[in-house]
N, C-alpha and C. Protein backbone atom coordinates (compact mmCIF):
# COMPACT_ATOMS: atom_id res chain seq x y z
N MET A 1 -2.71 -12.97 24.49
CA MET A 1 -3.29 -12.47 25.72
C MET A 1 -3.50 -10.96 25.58
N ILE A 2 -4.61 -10.47 26.07
CA ILE A 2 -4.97 -9.06 26.00
C ILE A 2 -4.80 -8.43 27.38
N HIS A 3 -4.10 -7.28 27.42
CA HIS A 3 -3.89 -6.57 28.67
C HIS A 3 -4.44 -5.16 28.53
N LEU A 4 -5.32 -4.77 29.43
CA LEU A 4 -5.83 -3.41 29.47
C LEU A 4 -4.76 -2.54 30.12
N THR A 5 -4.25 -1.56 29.38
CA THR A 5 -3.20 -0.70 29.94
C THR A 5 -3.76 0.63 30.42
N ARG A 6 -4.87 1.07 29.83
CA ARG A 6 -5.43 2.35 30.24
C ARG A 6 -6.84 2.49 29.68
N TRP A 7 -7.69 3.10 30.44
CA TRP A 7 -8.99 3.51 29.91
C TRP A 7 -9.32 4.85 30.54
N ALA A 8 -10.02 5.64 29.77
CA ALA A 8 -10.38 6.97 30.24
C ALA A 8 -11.69 7.40 29.61
N GLY A 9 -12.43 8.16 30.35
CA GLY A 9 -13.66 8.73 29.85
C GLY A 9 -13.59 10.25 29.97
N ALA A 10 -14.23 10.93 29.04
CA ALA A 10 -14.21 12.39 29.08
C ALA A 10 -15.49 12.92 28.45
N ARG A 11 -15.74 14.18 28.70
CA ARG A 11 -16.86 14.87 28.07
C ARG A 11 -16.32 16.06 27.31
N ARG A 12 -16.68 16.13 26.03
CA ARG A 12 -16.33 17.28 25.21
C ARG A 12 -17.54 17.65 24.40
N PHE A 13 -17.82 18.92 24.34
CA PHE A 13 -18.96 19.43 23.57
C PHE A 13 -20.26 18.74 23.97
N GLY A 14 -20.38 18.40 25.25
CA GLY A 14 -21.59 17.77 25.75
C GLY A 14 -21.71 16.30 25.40
N ARG A 15 -20.69 15.72 24.82
CA ARG A 15 -20.72 14.30 24.44
C ARG A 15 -19.68 13.53 25.23
N ARG A 16 -19.96 12.27 25.42
CA ARG A 16 -19.04 11.41 26.13
C ARG A 16 -18.08 10.74 25.16
N PHE A 17 -16.84 10.64 25.57
CA PHE A 17 -15.81 9.97 24.79
C PHE A 17 -15.17 8.91 25.68
N VAL A 18 -14.82 7.80 25.07
CA VAL A 18 -14.14 6.73 25.78
C VAL A 18 -12.90 6.35 25.00
N GLN A 19 -11.80 6.23 25.71
CA GLN A 19 -10.56 5.77 25.09
C GLN A 19 -10.09 4.53 25.84
N VAL A 20 -9.79 3.50 25.09
CA VAL A 20 -9.31 2.25 25.67
C VAL A 20 -7.98 1.91 25.01
N ARG A 21 -6.98 1.62 25.85
CA ARG A 21 -5.68 1.19 25.33
C ARG A 21 -5.43 -0.24 25.77
N LEU A 22 -5.05 -1.05 24.79
CA LEU A 22 -4.77 -2.45 25.06
C LEU A 22 -3.36 -2.79 24.60
N ARG A 23 -2.78 -3.77 25.25
CA ARG A 23 -1.52 -4.35 24.79
C ARG A 23 -1.80 -5.82 24.55
N VAL A 24 -1.41 -6.29 23.39
CA VAL A 24 -1.66 -7.69 23.05
C VAL A 24 -0.34 -8.37 22.71
N ASP A 25 -0.26 -9.65 23.04
CA ASP A 25 0.97 -10.41 22.77
C ASP A 25 1.13 -10.69 21.28
N ASP A 26 0.04 -11.01 20.58
CA ASP A 26 0.09 -11.30 19.14
C ASP A 26 -1.15 -10.71 18.49
N ILE A 27 -0.98 -9.60 17.78
CA ILE A 27 -2.14 -8.89 17.22
C ILE A 27 -2.87 -9.72 16.18
N THR A 28 -2.17 -10.63 15.51
CA THR A 28 -2.84 -11.44 14.49
C THR A 28 -3.84 -12.41 15.09
N LYS A 29 -3.75 -12.68 16.39
CA LYS A 29 -4.69 -13.57 17.07
C LYS A 29 -5.79 -12.81 17.82
N LEU A 30 -5.77 -11.49 17.74
CA LEU A 30 -6.74 -10.67 18.48
C LEU A 30 -8.17 -10.95 18.03
N GLY A 31 -8.38 -11.22 16.73
CA GLY A 31 -9.71 -11.51 16.22
C GLY A 31 -10.32 -12.79 16.75
N GLN A 32 -9.51 -13.65 17.39
CA GLN A 32 -10.03 -14.88 17.98
C GLN A 32 -10.74 -14.62 19.30
N SER A 33 -10.51 -13.45 19.88
CA SER A 33 -11.18 -13.08 21.12
C SER A 33 -12.61 -12.65 20.80
N PRO A 34 -13.59 -13.07 21.59
CA PRO A 34 -14.98 -12.67 21.32
C PRO A 34 -15.17 -11.15 21.30
N LEU A 35 -14.36 -10.41 22.05
CA LEU A 35 -14.47 -8.95 22.07
C LEU A 35 -14.09 -8.33 20.73
N PHE A 36 -13.23 -8.99 19.97
CA PHE A 36 -12.73 -8.44 18.72
C PHE A 36 -13.02 -9.33 17.52
N ALA A 37 -14.02 -10.17 17.62
CA ALA A 37 -14.35 -11.10 16.54
C ALA A 37 -14.86 -10.38 15.29
N TRP A 38 -15.26 -9.13 15.41
CA TRP A 38 -15.74 -8.35 14.27
C TRP A 38 -14.61 -7.81 13.41
N SER A 39 -13.36 -8.10 13.80
CA SER A 39 -12.22 -7.55 13.08
C SER A 39 -11.16 -8.63 12.86
N THR A 40 -10.47 -8.55 11.72
CA THR A 40 -9.36 -9.46 11.46
C THR A 40 -8.09 -8.65 11.32
N TYR A 41 -6.97 -9.24 11.67
CA TYR A 41 -5.68 -8.56 11.69
C TYR A 41 -4.66 -9.42 10.95
N GLN A 42 -3.81 -8.77 10.18
CA GLN A 42 -2.83 -9.49 9.39
C GLN A 42 -1.55 -8.67 9.31
N ILE A 43 -0.42 -9.35 9.43
CA ILE A 43 0.88 -8.72 9.26
C ILE A 43 1.68 -9.56 8.28
N ASP A 44 2.12 -8.93 7.19
CA ASP A 44 2.96 -9.60 6.19
C ASP A 44 4.33 -8.93 6.19
N ARG A 45 5.32 -9.68 5.75
CA ARG A 45 6.70 -9.18 5.74
C ARG A 45 7.35 -9.33 4.36
N PRO A 46 6.84 -8.61 3.36
CA PRO A 46 7.49 -8.70 2.04
C PRO A 46 8.75 -7.84 2.01
N ASP A 47 9.80 -8.38 1.45
CA ASP A 47 11.06 -7.66 1.25
C ASP A 47 11.51 -6.93 2.51
N ASP A 48 11.66 -5.62 2.42
CA ASP A 48 12.20 -4.83 3.53
C ASP A 48 11.11 -4.05 4.27
N MET A 49 9.85 -4.47 4.14
CA MET A 49 8.75 -3.74 4.78
C MET A 49 7.89 -4.68 5.62
N LEU A 50 7.09 -4.05 6.48
CA LEU A 50 6.03 -4.75 7.19
C LEU A 50 4.71 -4.16 6.70
N VAL A 51 3.75 -5.02 6.42
CA VAL A 51 2.44 -4.57 5.95
C VAL A 51 1.41 -4.98 6.99
N TYR A 52 0.74 -3.97 7.55
CA TYR A 52 -0.32 -4.19 8.55
C TYR A 52 -1.66 -3.99 7.86
N ARG A 53 -2.53 -5.00 7.99
CA ARG A 53 -3.88 -4.90 7.44
C ARG A 53 -4.88 -5.27 8.52
N GLN A 54 -5.96 -4.51 8.53
CA GLN A 54 -7.05 -4.78 9.46
C GLN A 54 -8.35 -4.60 8.71
N HIS A 55 -9.25 -5.56 8.87
CA HIS A 55 -10.58 -5.47 8.25
C HIS A 55 -11.60 -5.42 9.37
N LEU A 56 -12.32 -4.31 9.45
CA LEU A 56 -13.39 -4.19 10.44
C LEU A 56 -14.68 -4.57 9.74
N GLY A 57 -15.25 -5.68 10.13
CA GLY A 57 -16.50 -6.14 9.55
C GLY A 57 -17.68 -5.37 10.09
N PRO A 58 -18.88 -5.84 9.78
CA PRO A 58 -20.07 -5.13 10.25
C PRO A 58 -20.17 -5.12 11.77
N SER A 59 -20.81 -4.09 12.28
CA SER A 59 -21.01 -4.00 13.73
C SER A 59 -22.10 -4.98 14.16
N ALA A 60 -22.26 -5.12 15.46
CA ALA A 60 -23.32 -5.98 15.99
C ALA A 60 -24.69 -5.42 15.65
N ASN A 61 -24.77 -4.11 15.44
CA ASN A 61 -25.99 -3.41 15.06
C ASN A 61 -27.15 -3.71 16.00
N LYS A 62 -26.86 -3.67 17.29
CA LYS A 62 -27.90 -3.87 18.30
C LYS A 62 -28.36 -2.51 18.81
N PRO A 63 -29.63 -2.35 19.07
CA PRO A 63 -30.10 -1.05 19.57
C PRO A 63 -29.50 -0.73 20.94
N VAL A 64 -29.14 0.53 21.12
CA VAL A 64 -28.55 0.95 22.38
C VAL A 64 -29.49 1.85 23.18
N GLY A 65 -30.67 2.07 22.66
CA GLY A 65 -31.63 2.92 23.35
C GLY A 65 -31.46 4.38 22.95
N SER A 66 -32.18 5.23 23.62
CA SER A 66 -32.12 6.65 23.33
C SER A 66 -30.97 7.28 24.10
N VAL A 67 -29.84 7.42 23.41
CA VAL A 67 -28.65 7.98 24.05
C VAL A 67 -28.24 9.30 23.43
N GLY A 68 -29.04 9.82 22.51
CA GLY A 68 -28.76 11.12 21.91
C GLY A 68 -27.85 11.07 20.70
N TRP A 69 -27.63 9.90 20.14
CA TRP A 69 -26.79 9.79 18.95
C TRP A 69 -27.62 10.09 17.71
N ASN A 70 -27.00 10.78 16.74
CA ASN A 70 -27.72 11.07 15.51
C ASN A 70 -27.07 10.46 14.27
N GLY A 71 -25.98 9.72 14.45
CA GLY A 71 -25.32 9.07 13.33
C GLY A 71 -24.12 9.82 12.79
N SER A 72 -23.97 11.09 13.17
CA SER A 72 -22.83 11.87 12.68
C SER A 72 -21.59 11.67 13.55
N GLU A 73 -21.73 10.97 14.66
CA GLU A 73 -20.59 10.73 15.55
C GLU A 73 -19.55 9.88 14.80
N LEU A 74 -18.31 10.02 15.22
CA LEU A 74 -17.23 9.30 14.56
C LEU A 74 -16.74 8.12 15.38
N MET A 75 -16.49 7.05 14.68
CA MET A 75 -15.78 5.91 15.24
C MET A 75 -14.39 5.98 14.62
N ALA A 76 -13.35 5.95 15.43
CA ALA A 76 -12.01 6.12 14.89
C ALA A 76 -11.09 5.00 15.37
N VAL A 77 -10.16 4.65 14.51
CA VAL A 77 -9.09 3.71 14.84
C VAL A 77 -7.79 4.48 14.68
N ARG A 78 -7.03 4.54 15.75
CA ARG A 78 -5.74 5.25 15.73
C ARG A 78 -4.64 4.21 15.93
N VAL A 79 -3.66 4.25 15.04
CA VAL A 79 -2.56 3.28 15.10
C VAL A 79 -1.24 4.04 15.23
N HIS A 80 -0.48 3.69 16.26
CA HIS A 80 0.86 4.25 16.46
C HIS A 80 1.83 3.22 15.89
N LEU A 81 2.53 3.58 14.84
CA LEU A 81 3.43 2.65 14.18
C LEU A 81 4.87 2.94 14.58
N PRO A 82 5.68 1.90 14.78
CA PRO A 82 7.03 2.09 15.31
C PRO A 82 8.10 2.44 14.29
N SER A 83 7.70 2.77 13.07
CA SER A 83 8.69 3.02 12.03
C SER A 83 8.16 4.02 11.02
N ARG A 84 9.01 4.36 10.04
CA ARG A 84 8.61 5.30 8.99
C ARG A 84 7.53 4.65 8.11
N ILE A 85 6.47 5.40 7.87
CA ILE A 85 5.34 4.91 7.08
C ILE A 85 5.62 5.17 5.60
N ARG A 86 5.55 4.12 4.79
CA ARG A 86 5.79 4.24 3.35
C ARG A 86 4.49 4.35 2.56
N TYR A 87 3.39 3.77 3.07
CA TYR A 87 2.10 3.82 2.39
C TYR A 87 1.01 3.61 3.43
N HIS A 88 -0.14 4.27 3.21
CA HIS A 88 -1.31 4.02 4.05
C HIS A 88 -2.55 4.40 3.26
N ASN A 89 -3.67 3.84 3.62
CA ASN A 89 -4.94 4.17 2.96
C ASN A 89 -5.85 4.97 3.88
N ALA A 90 -5.27 5.71 4.80
CA ALA A 90 -6.05 6.50 5.76
C ALA A 90 -6.47 7.85 5.21
N GLY A 91 -6.02 8.19 4.02
CA GLY A 91 -6.38 9.47 3.44
C GLY A 91 -5.20 10.43 3.45
N ALA A 92 -5.24 11.37 2.54
CA ALA A 92 -4.15 12.34 2.42
C ALA A 92 -4.06 13.21 3.68
N ASP A 93 -2.87 13.67 3.97
CA ASP A 93 -2.62 14.55 5.12
C ASP A 93 -3.09 13.95 6.43
N ASN A 94 -2.94 12.65 6.59
CA ASN A 94 -3.44 12.00 7.78
C ASN A 94 -2.37 11.78 8.83
N LEU A 95 -1.12 11.86 8.50
CA LEU A 95 -0.07 11.57 9.47
C LEU A 95 -0.13 12.54 10.64
N ARG A 96 -0.08 12.00 11.83
CA ARG A 96 -0.04 12.80 13.05
C ARG A 96 1.30 12.53 13.72
N ARG A 97 2.08 13.54 13.92
CA ARG A 97 3.41 13.42 14.53
C ARG A 97 4.29 12.40 13.82
N GLY A 98 4.08 12.21 12.54
CA GLY A 98 5.00 11.40 11.75
C GLY A 98 4.72 9.92 11.68
N ASN A 99 4.24 9.30 12.76
CA ASN A 99 4.03 7.85 12.71
C ASN A 99 2.70 7.42 13.33
N ILE A 100 1.73 8.32 13.38
CA ILE A 100 0.40 7.99 13.90
C ILE A 100 -0.61 8.19 12.77
N LEU A 101 -1.44 7.19 12.56
CA LEU A 101 -2.48 7.26 11.53
C LEU A 101 -3.84 7.10 12.18
N VAL A 102 -4.86 7.76 11.58
CA VAL A 102 -6.22 7.68 12.09
C VAL A 102 -7.18 7.38 10.94
N TRP A 103 -7.97 6.34 11.11
CA TRP A 103 -9.05 6.02 10.17
C TRP A 103 -10.36 6.34 10.88
N GLU A 104 -11.26 7.01 10.18
CA GLU A 104 -12.53 7.42 10.79
C GLU A 104 -13.71 6.93 9.95
N GLN A 105 -14.81 6.68 10.65
CA GLN A 105 -16.04 6.28 9.99
C GLN A 105 -17.20 6.82 10.83
N THR A 106 -18.23 7.31 10.16
CA THR A 106 -19.37 7.83 10.93
C THR A 106 -20.12 6.67 11.59
N LEU A 107 -20.78 6.98 12.67
CA LEU A 107 -21.56 5.97 13.37
C LEU A 107 -22.65 5.41 12.46
N ALA A 108 -23.25 6.25 11.63
CA ALA A 108 -24.30 5.79 10.71
C ALA A 108 -23.74 4.74 9.75
N ASP A 109 -22.55 4.98 9.19
CA ASP A 109 -21.94 3.99 8.29
C ASP A 109 -21.58 2.72 9.04
N ARG A 110 -21.09 2.88 10.27
CA ARG A 110 -20.73 1.72 11.09
C ARG A 110 -21.96 0.86 11.36
N GLN A 111 -23.05 1.51 11.75
CA GLN A 111 -24.28 0.78 12.04
C GLN A 111 -24.90 0.17 10.79
N ALA A 112 -24.65 0.78 9.63
CA ALA A 112 -25.17 0.23 8.37
C ALA A 112 -24.36 -0.98 7.91
N GLY A 113 -23.29 -1.30 8.62
CA GLY A 113 -22.52 -2.49 8.29
C GLY A 113 -21.44 -2.27 7.25
N LYS A 114 -21.11 -1.01 6.97
CA LYS A 114 -20.05 -0.75 5.99
C LYS A 114 -18.71 -1.14 6.59
N PRO A 115 -17.97 -1.98 5.90
CA PRO A 115 -16.67 -2.39 6.45
C PRO A 115 -15.64 -1.28 6.34
N MET A 116 -14.59 -1.42 7.11
CA MET A 116 -13.49 -0.47 7.07
C MET A 116 -12.21 -1.26 6.83
N GLU A 117 -11.47 -0.86 5.81
CA GLU A 117 -10.21 -1.52 5.48
C GLU A 117 -9.06 -0.62 5.91
N ILE A 118 -8.17 -1.17 6.67
CA ILE A 118 -7.01 -0.44 7.17
C ILE A 118 -5.76 -1.11 6.62
N GLU A 119 -4.88 -0.29 6.05
CA GLU A 119 -3.60 -0.83 5.56
C GLU A 119 -2.52 0.21 5.74
N ALA A 120 -1.39 -0.24 6.25
CA ALA A 120 -0.21 0.62 6.40
C ALA A 120 1.03 -0.22 6.12
N ARG A 121 1.95 0.36 5.37
CA ARG A 121 3.22 -0.30 5.07
C ARG A 121 4.32 0.53 5.70
N ILE A 122 5.13 -0.13 6.50
CA ILE A 122 6.19 0.57 7.22
C ILE A 122 7.54 -0.10 6.97
N GLU A 123 8.60 0.66 7.22
CA GLU A 123 9.95 0.10 7.14
C GLU A 123 10.18 -0.83 8.32
N ARG A 124 11.08 -1.77 8.14
CA ARG A 124 11.39 -2.70 9.23
C ARG A 124 12.26 -2.06 10.31
N THR A 125 13.01 -1.03 9.95
CA THR A 125 13.88 -0.37 10.90
C THR A 125 13.07 0.56 11.80
N SER A 126 13.27 0.43 13.07
CA SER A 126 12.52 1.21 14.05
C SER A 126 12.94 2.67 14.04
N ILE A 127 11.98 3.55 14.34
CA ILE A 127 12.29 4.97 14.50
C ILE A 127 13.24 5.16 15.67
N LEU A 128 13.10 4.37 16.71
CA LEU A 128 13.99 4.47 17.87
C LEU A 128 15.43 4.22 17.45
N TYR A 129 15.66 3.20 16.64
CA TYR A 129 17.00 2.89 16.15
C TYR A 129 17.56 4.07 15.38
N SER A 130 16.76 4.64 14.47
CA SER A 130 17.21 5.78 13.67
C SER A 130 17.53 6.98 14.55
N THR A 131 16.70 7.23 15.55
CA THR A 131 16.90 8.36 16.45
C THR A 131 18.17 8.19 17.28
N LEU A 132 18.37 6.99 17.81
CA LEU A 132 19.57 6.73 18.61
C LEU A 132 20.83 6.85 17.74
N MET A 133 20.74 6.38 16.50
CA MET A 133 21.87 6.49 15.59
C MET A 133 22.18 7.96 15.30
N LEU A 134 21.14 8.76 15.10
CA LEU A 134 21.33 10.19 14.86
C LEU A 134 22.01 10.86 16.05
N PHE A 135 21.57 10.55 17.27
CA PHE A 135 22.20 11.12 18.46
C PHE A 135 23.65 10.67 18.60
N ALA A 136 23.94 9.41 18.31
CA ALA A 136 25.30 8.89 18.42
C ALA A 136 26.22 9.59 17.42
N VAL A 137 25.77 9.72 16.18
CA VAL A 137 26.59 10.40 15.17
C VAL A 137 26.79 11.87 15.53
N SER A 138 25.72 12.54 15.98
CA SER A 138 25.83 13.95 16.39
C SER A 138 26.80 14.12 17.55
N GLY A 139 26.70 13.24 18.53
CA GLY A 139 27.62 13.29 19.67
C GLY A 139 29.05 13.05 19.25
N GLY A 140 29.26 12.09 18.35
CA GLY A 140 30.60 11.81 17.85
C GLY A 140 31.18 13.00 17.09
N LEU A 141 30.37 13.63 16.26
CA LEU A 141 30.84 14.81 15.51
C LEU A 141 31.15 15.98 16.45
N ALA A 142 30.31 16.18 17.46
CA ALA A 142 30.56 17.26 18.42
C ALA A 142 31.87 17.01 19.17
N LEU A 143 32.11 15.77 19.56
CA LEU A 143 33.36 15.42 20.24
C LEU A 143 34.56 15.64 19.33
N LEU A 144 34.44 15.25 18.06
CA LEU A 144 35.51 15.45 17.09
C LEU A 144 35.83 16.93 16.91
N VAL A 145 34.81 17.76 16.81
CA VAL A 145 35.01 19.21 16.67
C VAL A 145 35.73 19.76 17.90
N MET A 146 35.33 19.32 19.08
CA MET A 146 36.00 19.80 20.31
C MET A 146 37.48 19.39 20.32
N VAL A 147 37.77 18.15 19.92
CA VAL A 147 39.16 17.68 19.88
C VAL A 147 39.96 18.50 18.88
N LEU A 148 39.37 18.78 17.70
CA LEU A 148 40.06 19.58 16.69
C LEU A 148 40.32 21.00 17.17
N ILE A 149 39.36 21.59 17.86
CA ILE A 149 39.56 22.95 18.40
C ILE A 149 40.67 22.95 19.45
N ILE A 150 40.68 21.99 20.34
CA ILE A 150 41.73 21.91 21.37
C ILE A 150 43.08 21.69 20.71
N TRP A 151 43.16 20.78 19.74
CA TRP A 151 44.41 20.53 19.01
C TRP A 151 44.91 21.81 18.35
N TRP A 152 44.01 22.54 17.69
CA TRP A 152 44.37 23.78 17.00
C TRP A 152 44.90 24.83 17.98
N VAL A 153 44.21 24.98 19.12
CA VAL A 153 44.63 25.95 20.13
C VAL A 153 45.99 25.57 20.69
N VAL A 154 46.20 24.31 21.00
CA VAL A 154 47.48 23.86 21.57
C VAL A 154 48.59 24.05 20.55
N LYS A 155 48.36 23.67 19.30
CA LYS A 155 49.38 23.80 18.25
C LYS A 155 49.74 25.27 18.02
N ARG A 156 48.73 26.11 17.97
CA ARG A 156 48.97 27.54 17.74
C ARG A 156 49.67 28.19 18.93
N GLY A 157 49.33 27.72 20.12
CA GLY A 157 49.95 28.28 21.34
C GLY A 157 51.41 27.93 21.47
N LYS A 158 51.82 26.74 21.00
CA LYS A 158 53.21 26.32 21.11
C LYS A 158 54.13 27.21 20.26
N GLY A 159 53.64 27.66 19.13
CA GLY A 159 54.44 28.51 18.25
C GLY A 159 54.63 29.91 18.80
N ARG A 160 53.83 30.36 19.72
CA ARG A 160 53.90 31.74 20.25
C ARG A 160 54.63 31.81 21.58
N VAL A 161 54.96 30.68 22.15
CA VAL A 161 55.62 30.70 23.46
C VAL A 161 57.06 31.19 23.28
N LYS A 162 57.47 32.22 24.08
CA LYS A 162 58.84 32.76 24.02
C LYS A 162 59.70 32.04 25.04
N ARG A 163 60.92 31.74 24.62
CA ARG A 163 61.83 31.04 25.52
C ARG A 163 62.94 31.89 25.97
């Protein structure tokens, strides 16, 4: 099932931009929807990784009329991955904030029917799990340091008390 979670339109540099966010129950079945039949989705689980693959086939290539496009516009796919990325084919220096990848293709290439292959390999352990573990260990160490300081102060103070 596909759920629209957000859509927004904006104008930048005199051009219109549209962003659509969807939530799907099973991404591997998304290509069965007529809206996404031009793309296939696959998730494999070899060893200790998850491998996400997406193949964007040719566009519908239907004329849209005179809308001011010249072919240099970008079509982009942005994927937010929930874990550390071990491999991707999005190009060098593509990571955004550590776990976001962006694949881009010009509108001219998209209209010419050039396919786009997307692949990312991630760890099975969630970034959230790692972050929570880091906070728990840090909190435990801070508490231990406080206990040691209090113990040291109390021990040192007992030796100086005059009777």
